[in-house]
Amino acid sequence: MHNYKELEIWKASKNFCTPIYKLTTNFPEVEKFGLVSQLRRASISVPSNIAEGSARSSDKDFIRFLEYSLGSCREIDTQLLVSTDLEFITTNEMEILSNELNRIMVMINNFIKRLKS
């Protein structure tokens, strides 16, 4: 078992939730149950799955939850692209968030590789 609060991937993904929550407060009210909800749920899913997986008894099980986190990252990426297309966020905001999201995905992938070896 791992102490998830000490994992850099958990810290980075938890910190990523804040700009997502703040950004979505400016979305149109009609998106409250659409993109706002989806983005928020997907962003909180990343550190939540890392935390849940860290409690598993085997690295194989932990890897499965890390892969769920990667899936949520891909959801966020898609939702940010749609939000940009709809002009809910600027291209600059998208690039900043996308860069941080990519950094998190690289960290998760590297951690998976480490657990597999």
N, C-alpha and C. Protein backbone atom coordinates (compact mmCIF):
# COMPACT_ATOMS: atom_id res chain seq x y z
N MET A 1 0.84 -1.19 0.00
CA MET A 1 0.00 0.00 0.00
C MET A 1 0.88 1.25 0.00
N HIS A 2 0.34 2.30 -0.57
CA HIS A 2 1.04 3.56 -0.68
C HIS A 2 0.26 4.64 0.08
N ASN A 3 0.98 5.58 0.63
CA ASN A 3 0.32 6.73 1.26
C ASN A 3 0.04 7.74 0.15
N TYR A 4 -1.19 7.78 -0.32
CA TYR A 4 -1.52 8.60 -1.48
C TYR A 4 -1.21 10.08 -1.27
N LYS A 5 -1.30 10.58 -0.04
CA LYS A 5 -1.04 11.99 0.21
C LYS A 5 0.43 12.38 0.00
N GLU A 6 1.29 11.38 -0.07
CA GLU A 6 2.70 11.64 -0.33
C GLU A 6 3.06 11.50 -1.81
N LEU A 7 2.14 11.00 -2.61
CA LEU A 7 2.40 10.78 -4.03
C LEU A 7 2.28 12.09 -4.81
N GLU A 8 3.31 12.41 -5.59
CA GLU A 8 3.30 13.63 -6.40
C GLU A 8 2.17 13.62 -7.42
N ILE A 9 1.82 12.44 -7.93
CA ILE A 9 0.72 12.37 -8.90
C ILE A 9 -0.60 12.74 -8.26
N TRP A 10 -0.78 12.34 -7.00
CA TRP A 10 -2.00 12.70 -6.29
C TRP A 10 -2.03 14.20 -6.01
N LYS A 11 -0.92 14.75 -5.53
CA LYS A 11 -0.84 16.18 -5.23
C LYS A 11 -1.13 17.02 -6.47
N ALA A 12 -0.48 16.67 -7.59
CA ALA A 12 -0.66 17.44 -8.82
C ALA A 12 -2.09 17.35 -9.33
N SER A 13 -2.65 16.14 -9.29
CA SER A 13 -4.02 15.98 -9.80
C SER A 13 -5.05 16.64 -8.88
N LYS A 14 -4.81 16.61 -7.58
CA LYS A 14 -5.71 17.30 -6.65
C LYS A 14 -5.66 18.81 -6.90
N ASN A 15 -4.45 19.33 -7.07
CA ASN A 15 -4.29 20.77 -7.32
C ASN A 15 -4.91 21.20 -8.65
N PHE A 16 -4.99 20.29 -9.61
CA PHE A 16 -5.57 20.58 -10.91
C PHE A 16 -7.08 20.83 -10.81
N CYS A 17 -7.71 20.29 -9.79
CA CYS A 17 -9.16 20.47 -9.61
C CYS A 17 -9.53 21.93 -9.41
N THR A 18 -8.72 22.67 -8.70
CA THR A 18 -9.05 24.06 -8.36
C THR A 18 -9.26 24.92 -9.59
N PRO A 19 -8.31 24.96 -10.55
CA PRO A 19 -8.57 25.80 -11.73
C PRO A 19 -9.76 25.32 -12.55
N ILE A 20 -10.02 24.03 -12.55
CA ILE A 20 -11.20 23.52 -13.27
C ILE A 20 -12.48 24.05 -12.62
N TYR A 21 -12.57 23.94 -11.31
CA TYR A 21 -13.74 24.44 -10.60
C TYR A 21 -13.91 25.94 -10.80
N LYS A 22 -12.81 26.69 -10.68
CA LYS A 22 -12.90 28.14 -10.85
C LYS A 22 -13.29 28.52 -12.28
N LEU A 23 -12.71 27.84 -13.25
CA LEU A 23 -12.99 28.14 -14.65
C LEU A 23 -14.45 27.87 -14.99
N THR A 24 -14.99 26.78 -14.47
CA THR A 24 -16.36 26.41 -14.84
C THR A 24 -17.41 27.28 -14.17
N THR A 25 -17.04 28.10 -13.19
CA THR A 25 -18.01 29.02 -12.60
C THR A 25 -18.45 30.08 -13.61
N ASN A 26 -17.64 30.27 -14.67
CA ASN A 26 -17.96 31.27 -15.70
C ASN A 26 -18.71 30.68 -16.89
N PHE A 27 -18.99 29.39 -16.87
CA PHE A 27 -19.72 28.77 -17.97
C PHE A 27 -21.18 29.21 -17.92
N PRO A 28 -21.87 29.15 -19.05
CA PRO A 28 -23.30 29.50 -19.05
C PRO A 28 -24.10 28.60 -18.11
N GLU A 29 -25.13 29.16 -17.53
CA GLU A 29 -25.99 28.43 -16.58
C GLU A 29 -26.56 27.15 -17.20
N VAL A 30 -26.84 27.18 -18.51
CA VAL A 30 -27.40 26.00 -19.16
C VAL A 30 -26.42 24.82 -19.16
N GLU A 31 -25.15 25.07 -18.88
CA GLU A 31 -24.15 24.00 -18.85
C GLU A 31 -23.94 23.43 -17.45
N LYS A 32 -24.73 23.90 -16.49
CA LYS A 32 -24.59 23.44 -15.10
C LYS A 32 -24.60 21.92 -15.00
N PHE A 33 -25.49 21.28 -15.74
CA PHE A 33 -25.60 19.82 -15.70
C PHE A 33 -24.95 19.16 -16.91
N GLY A 34 -24.25 19.97 -17.72
CA GLY A 34 -23.55 19.46 -18.89
C GLY A 34 -22.05 19.50 -18.66
N LEU A 35 -21.41 20.40 -19.38
CA LEU A 35 -19.95 20.47 -19.30
C LEU A 35 -19.42 20.82 -17.91
N VAL A 36 -20.11 21.67 -17.19
CA VAL A 36 -19.65 22.03 -15.84
C VAL A 36 -19.58 20.78 -14.97
N SER A 37 -20.67 20.04 -14.94
CA SER A 37 -20.73 18.83 -14.13
C SER A 37 -19.70 17.80 -14.61
N GLN A 38 -19.62 17.60 -15.91
CA GLN A 38 -18.70 16.61 -16.46
C GLN A 38 -17.24 16.95 -16.16
N LEU A 39 -16.87 18.20 -16.38
CA LEU A 39 -15.49 18.62 -16.11
C LEU A 39 -15.14 18.49 -14.64
N ARG A 40 -16.04 18.90 -13.79
CA ARG A 40 -15.77 18.82 -12.36
C ARG A 40 -15.67 17.37 -11.90
N ARG A 41 -16.59 16.55 -12.35
CA ARG A 41 -16.58 15.14 -11.94
C ARG A 41 -15.34 14.43 -12.46
N ALA A 42 -14.97 14.70 -13.69
CA ALA A 42 -13.78 14.06 -14.26
C ALA A 42 -12.51 14.53 -13.55
N SER A 43 -12.45 15.82 -13.22
CA SER A 43 -11.23 16.34 -12.57
C SER A 43 -11.07 15.75 -11.17
N ILE A 44 -12.13 15.64 -10.42
CA ILE A 44 -12.03 15.07 -9.07
C ILE A 44 -11.82 13.56 -9.12
N SER A 45 -12.21 12.95 -10.22
CA SER A 45 -12.03 11.51 -10.38
C SER A 45 -10.55 11.12 -10.45
N VAL A 46 -9.72 12.00 -10.98
CA VAL A 46 -8.29 11.65 -11.13
C VAL A 46 -7.64 11.41 -9.77
N PRO A 47 -7.62 12.40 -8.86
CA PRO A 47 -6.99 12.12 -7.57
C PRO A 47 -7.77 11.11 -6.72
N SER A 48 -9.08 11.05 -6.92
CA SER A 48 -9.89 10.09 -6.15
C SER A 48 -9.52 8.65 -6.50
N ASN A 49 -9.33 8.37 -7.78
CA ASN A 49 -8.93 7.02 -8.19
C ASN A 49 -7.51 6.69 -7.74
N ILE A 50 -6.64 7.68 -7.71
CA ILE A 50 -5.29 7.45 -7.20
C ILE A 50 -5.37 7.09 -5.72
N ALA A 51 -6.16 7.84 -4.97
CA ALA A 51 -6.32 7.56 -3.54
C ALA A 51 -6.93 6.18 -3.32
N GLU A 52 -7.98 5.87 -4.05
CA GLU A 52 -8.63 4.57 -3.87
C GLU A 52 -7.69 3.43 -4.25
N GLY A 53 -7.00 3.59 -5.36
CA GLY A 53 -6.08 2.54 -5.80
C GLY A 53 -4.92 2.32 -4.84
N SER A 54 -4.51 3.38 -4.16
CA SER A 54 -3.37 3.26 -3.24
C SER A 54 -3.70 2.35 -2.05
N ALA A 55 -4.97 2.16 -1.78
CA ALA A 55 -5.38 1.31 -0.66
C ALA A 55 -5.48 -0.16 -1.05
N ARG A 56 -5.29 -0.45 -2.32
CA ARG A 56 -5.39 -1.84 -2.78
C ARG A 56 -4.17 -2.63 -2.33
N SER A 57 -4.34 -3.92 -2.22
CA SER A 57 -3.28 -4.75 -1.66
C SER A 57 -2.20 -5.14 -2.66
N SER A 58 -2.46 -4.92 -3.94
CA SER A 58 -1.43 -5.29 -4.93
C SER A 58 -1.18 -4.14 -5.91
N ASP A 59 0.01 -4.13 -6.46
CA ASP A 59 0.35 -3.12 -7.46
C ASP A 59 -0.52 -3.29 -8.71
N LYS A 60 -0.87 -4.53 -9.03
CA LYS A 60 -1.74 -4.78 -10.18
C LYS A 60 -3.08 -4.06 -10.02
N ASP A 61 -3.65 -4.15 -8.83
CA ASP A 61 -4.91 -3.46 -8.57
C ASP A 61 -4.73 -1.94 -8.60
N PHE A 62 -3.63 -1.48 -8.03
CA PHE A 62 -3.35 -0.04 -8.02
C PHE A 62 -3.23 0.47 -9.45
N ILE A 63 -2.55 -0.28 -10.30
CA ILE A 63 -2.37 0.11 -11.70
C ILE A 63 -3.73 0.28 -12.39
N ARG A 64 -4.66 -0.61 -12.08
CA ARG A 64 -5.99 -0.51 -12.67
C ARG A 64 -6.64 0.84 -12.34
N PHE A 65 -6.51 1.30 -11.10
CA PHE A 65 -7.07 2.59 -10.70
C PHE A 65 -6.30 3.76 -11.30
N LEU A 66 -5.00 3.58 -11.47
CA LEU A 66 -4.21 4.61 -12.16
C LEU A 66 -4.66 4.74 -13.61
N GLU A 67 -5.01 3.62 -14.22
CA GLU A 67 -5.52 3.65 -15.60
C GLU A 67 -6.89 4.33 -15.66
N TYR A 68 -7.71 4.16 -14.62
CA TYR A 68 -8.97 4.90 -14.56
C TYR A 68 -8.69 6.40 -14.51
N SER A 69 -7.68 6.77 -13.73
CA SER A 69 -7.29 8.19 -13.66
C SER A 69 -6.88 8.72 -15.03
N LEU A 70 -6.12 7.92 -15.77
CA LEU A 70 -5.73 8.33 -17.12
C LEU A 70 -6.96 8.50 -18.01
N GLY A 71 -7.93 7.61 -17.88
CA GLY A 71 -9.16 7.74 -18.65
C GLY A 71 -9.88 9.05 -18.33
N SER A 72 -9.92 9.41 -17.06
CA SER A 72 -10.54 10.68 -16.66
C SER A 72 -9.76 11.86 -17.23
N CYS A 73 -8.45 11.74 -17.30
CA CYS A 73 -7.64 12.81 -17.91
C CYS A 73 -8.03 13.00 -19.38
N ARG A 74 -8.25 11.92 -20.08
CA ARG A 74 -8.65 12.01 -21.49
C ARG A 74 -10.04 12.63 -21.61
N GLU A 75 -10.92 12.32 -20.67
CA GLU A 75 -12.25 12.96 -20.66
C GLU A 75 -12.10 14.47 -20.49
N ILE A 76 -11.27 14.87 -19.54
CA ILE A 76 -11.05 16.30 -19.29
C ILE A 76 -10.51 16.97 -20.54
N ASP A 77 -9.55 16.34 -21.18
CA ASP A 77 -8.95 16.90 -22.39
C ASP A 77 -10.02 17.13 -23.46
N THR A 78 -10.87 16.14 -23.67
CA THR A 78 -11.95 16.25 -24.65
C THR A 78 -12.92 17.36 -24.27
N GLN A 79 -13.30 17.41 -23.01
CA GLN A 79 -14.26 18.42 -22.55
C GLN A 79 -13.69 19.83 -22.64
N LEU A 80 -12.38 19.97 -22.41
CA LEU A 80 -11.75 21.28 -22.57
C LEU A 80 -11.73 21.70 -24.04
N LEU A 81 -11.50 20.75 -24.93
CA LEU A 81 -11.52 21.07 -26.36
C LEU A 81 -12.92 21.52 -26.80
N VAL A 82 -13.94 20.82 -26.33
CA VAL A 82 -15.32 21.21 -26.65
C VAL A 82 -15.62 22.59 -26.06
N SER A 83 -15.17 22.82 -24.84
CA SER A 83 -15.40 24.12 -24.19
C SER A 83 -14.71 25.24 -24.95
N THR A 84 -13.57 24.96 -25.53
CA THR A 84 -12.87 25.95 -26.35
C THR A 84 -13.65 26.19 -27.64
N ASP A 85 -14.10 25.12 -28.28
CA ASP A 85 -14.89 25.25 -29.52
C ASP A 85 -16.14 26.09 -29.29
N LEU A 86 -16.74 25.93 -28.12
CA LEU A 86 -17.97 26.67 -27.80
C LEU A 86 -17.67 28.07 -27.25
N GLU A 87 -16.40 28.39 -27.16
CA GLU A 87 -15.92 29.69 -26.69
C GLU A 87 -16.29 29.95 -25.23
N PHE A 88 -16.36 28.89 -24.43
CA PHE A 88 -16.55 29.04 -23.00
C PHE A 88 -15.23 29.34 -22.31
N ILE A 89 -14.14 28.89 -22.93
CA ILE A 89 -12.79 29.20 -22.44
C ILE A 89 -11.94 29.65 -23.63
N THR A 90 -10.91 30.40 -23.32
CA THR A 90 -10.03 30.90 -24.38
C THR A 90 -9.01 29.83 -24.77
N THR A 91 -8.43 30.03 -25.93
CA THR A 91 -7.37 29.12 -26.38
C THR A 91 -6.21 29.13 -25.40
N ASN A 92 -5.89 30.29 -24.85
CA ASN A 92 -4.81 30.39 -23.88
C ASN A 92 -5.13 29.60 -22.61
N GLU A 93 -6.35 29.71 -22.10
CA GLU A 93 -6.76 28.94 -20.92
C GLU A 93 -6.67 27.44 -21.22
N MET A 94 -7.11 27.07 -22.42
CA MET A 94 -7.05 25.67 -22.83
C MET A 94 -5.62 25.17 -22.85
N GLU A 95 -4.71 25.95 -23.41
CA GLU A 95 -3.31 25.54 -23.51
C GLU A 95 -2.68 25.37 -22.13
N ILE A 96 -2.96 26.29 -21.23
CA ILE A 96 -2.40 26.21 -19.88
C ILE A 96 -2.89 24.94 -19.17
N LEU A 97 -4.20 24.71 -19.23
CA LEU A 97 -4.77 23.53 -18.59
C LEU A 97 -4.31 22.24 -19.27
N SER A 98 -4.24 22.28 -20.59
CA SER A 98 -3.82 21.10 -21.34
C SER A 98 -2.37 20.73 -21.02
N ASN A 99 -1.51 21.73 -20.89
CA ASN A 99 -0.12 21.46 -20.55
C ASN A 99 0.00 20.81 -19.18
N GLU A 100 -0.75 21.32 -18.22
CA GLU A 100 -0.71 20.74 -16.87
C GLU A 100 -1.32 19.34 -16.88
N LEU A 101 -2.39 19.16 -17.62
CA LEU A 101 -3.02 17.84 -17.72
C LEU A 101 -2.05 16.84 -18.35
N ASN A 102 -1.35 17.25 -19.39
CA ASN A 102 -0.37 16.36 -20.03
C ASN A 102 0.75 16.00 -19.06
N ARG A 103 1.18 16.96 -18.26
CA ARG A 103 2.23 16.70 -17.26
C ARG A 103 1.75 15.65 -16.26
N ILE A 104 0.51 15.77 -15.83
CA ILE A 104 -0.06 14.79 -14.90
C ILE A 104 -0.13 13.41 -15.54
N MET A 105 -0.56 13.35 -16.80
CA MET A 105 -0.65 12.05 -17.48
C MET A 105 0.72 11.40 -17.62
N VAL A 106 1.74 12.18 -17.92
CA VAL A 106 3.10 11.64 -18.00
C VAL A 106 3.53 11.09 -16.64
N MET A 107 3.23 11.83 -15.58
CA MET A 107 3.57 11.38 -14.24
C MET A 107 2.87 10.06 -13.91
N ILE A 108 1.60 9.96 -14.24
CA ILE A 108 0.86 8.74 -13.96
C ILE A 108 1.42 7.58 -14.77
N ASN A 109 1.67 7.81 -16.06
CA ASN A 109 2.24 6.76 -16.90
C ASN A 109 3.59 6.30 -16.38
N ASN A 110 4.43 7.22 -15.95
CA ASN A 110 5.74 6.85 -15.40
C ASN A 110 5.60 6.05 -14.11
N PHE A 111 4.62 6.41 -13.29
CA PHE A 111 4.39 5.67 -12.05
C PHE A 111 3.90 4.26 -12.36
N ILE A 112 3.03 4.13 -13.35
CA ILE A 112 2.57 2.80 -13.77
C ILE A 112 3.76 1.95 -14.22
N LYS A 113 4.63 2.52 -15.03
CA LYS A 113 5.81 1.78 -15.50
C LYS A 113 6.67 1.32 -14.31
N ARG A 114 6.82 2.22 -13.33
CA ARG A 114 7.62 1.88 -12.16
C ARG A 114 6.98 0.72 -11.37
N LEU A 115 5.66 0.76 -11.23
CA LEU A 115 4.98 -0.31 -10.52
C LEU A 115 5.06 -1.64 -11.26
N LYS A 116 5.07 -1.58 -12.58
CA LYS A 116 5.13 -2.81 -13.38
C LYS A 116 6.51 -3.46 -13.35
N SER A 117 7.54 -2.65 -13.09
CA SER A 117 8.90 -3.22 -13.12
C SER A 117 9.35 -3.80 -11.80
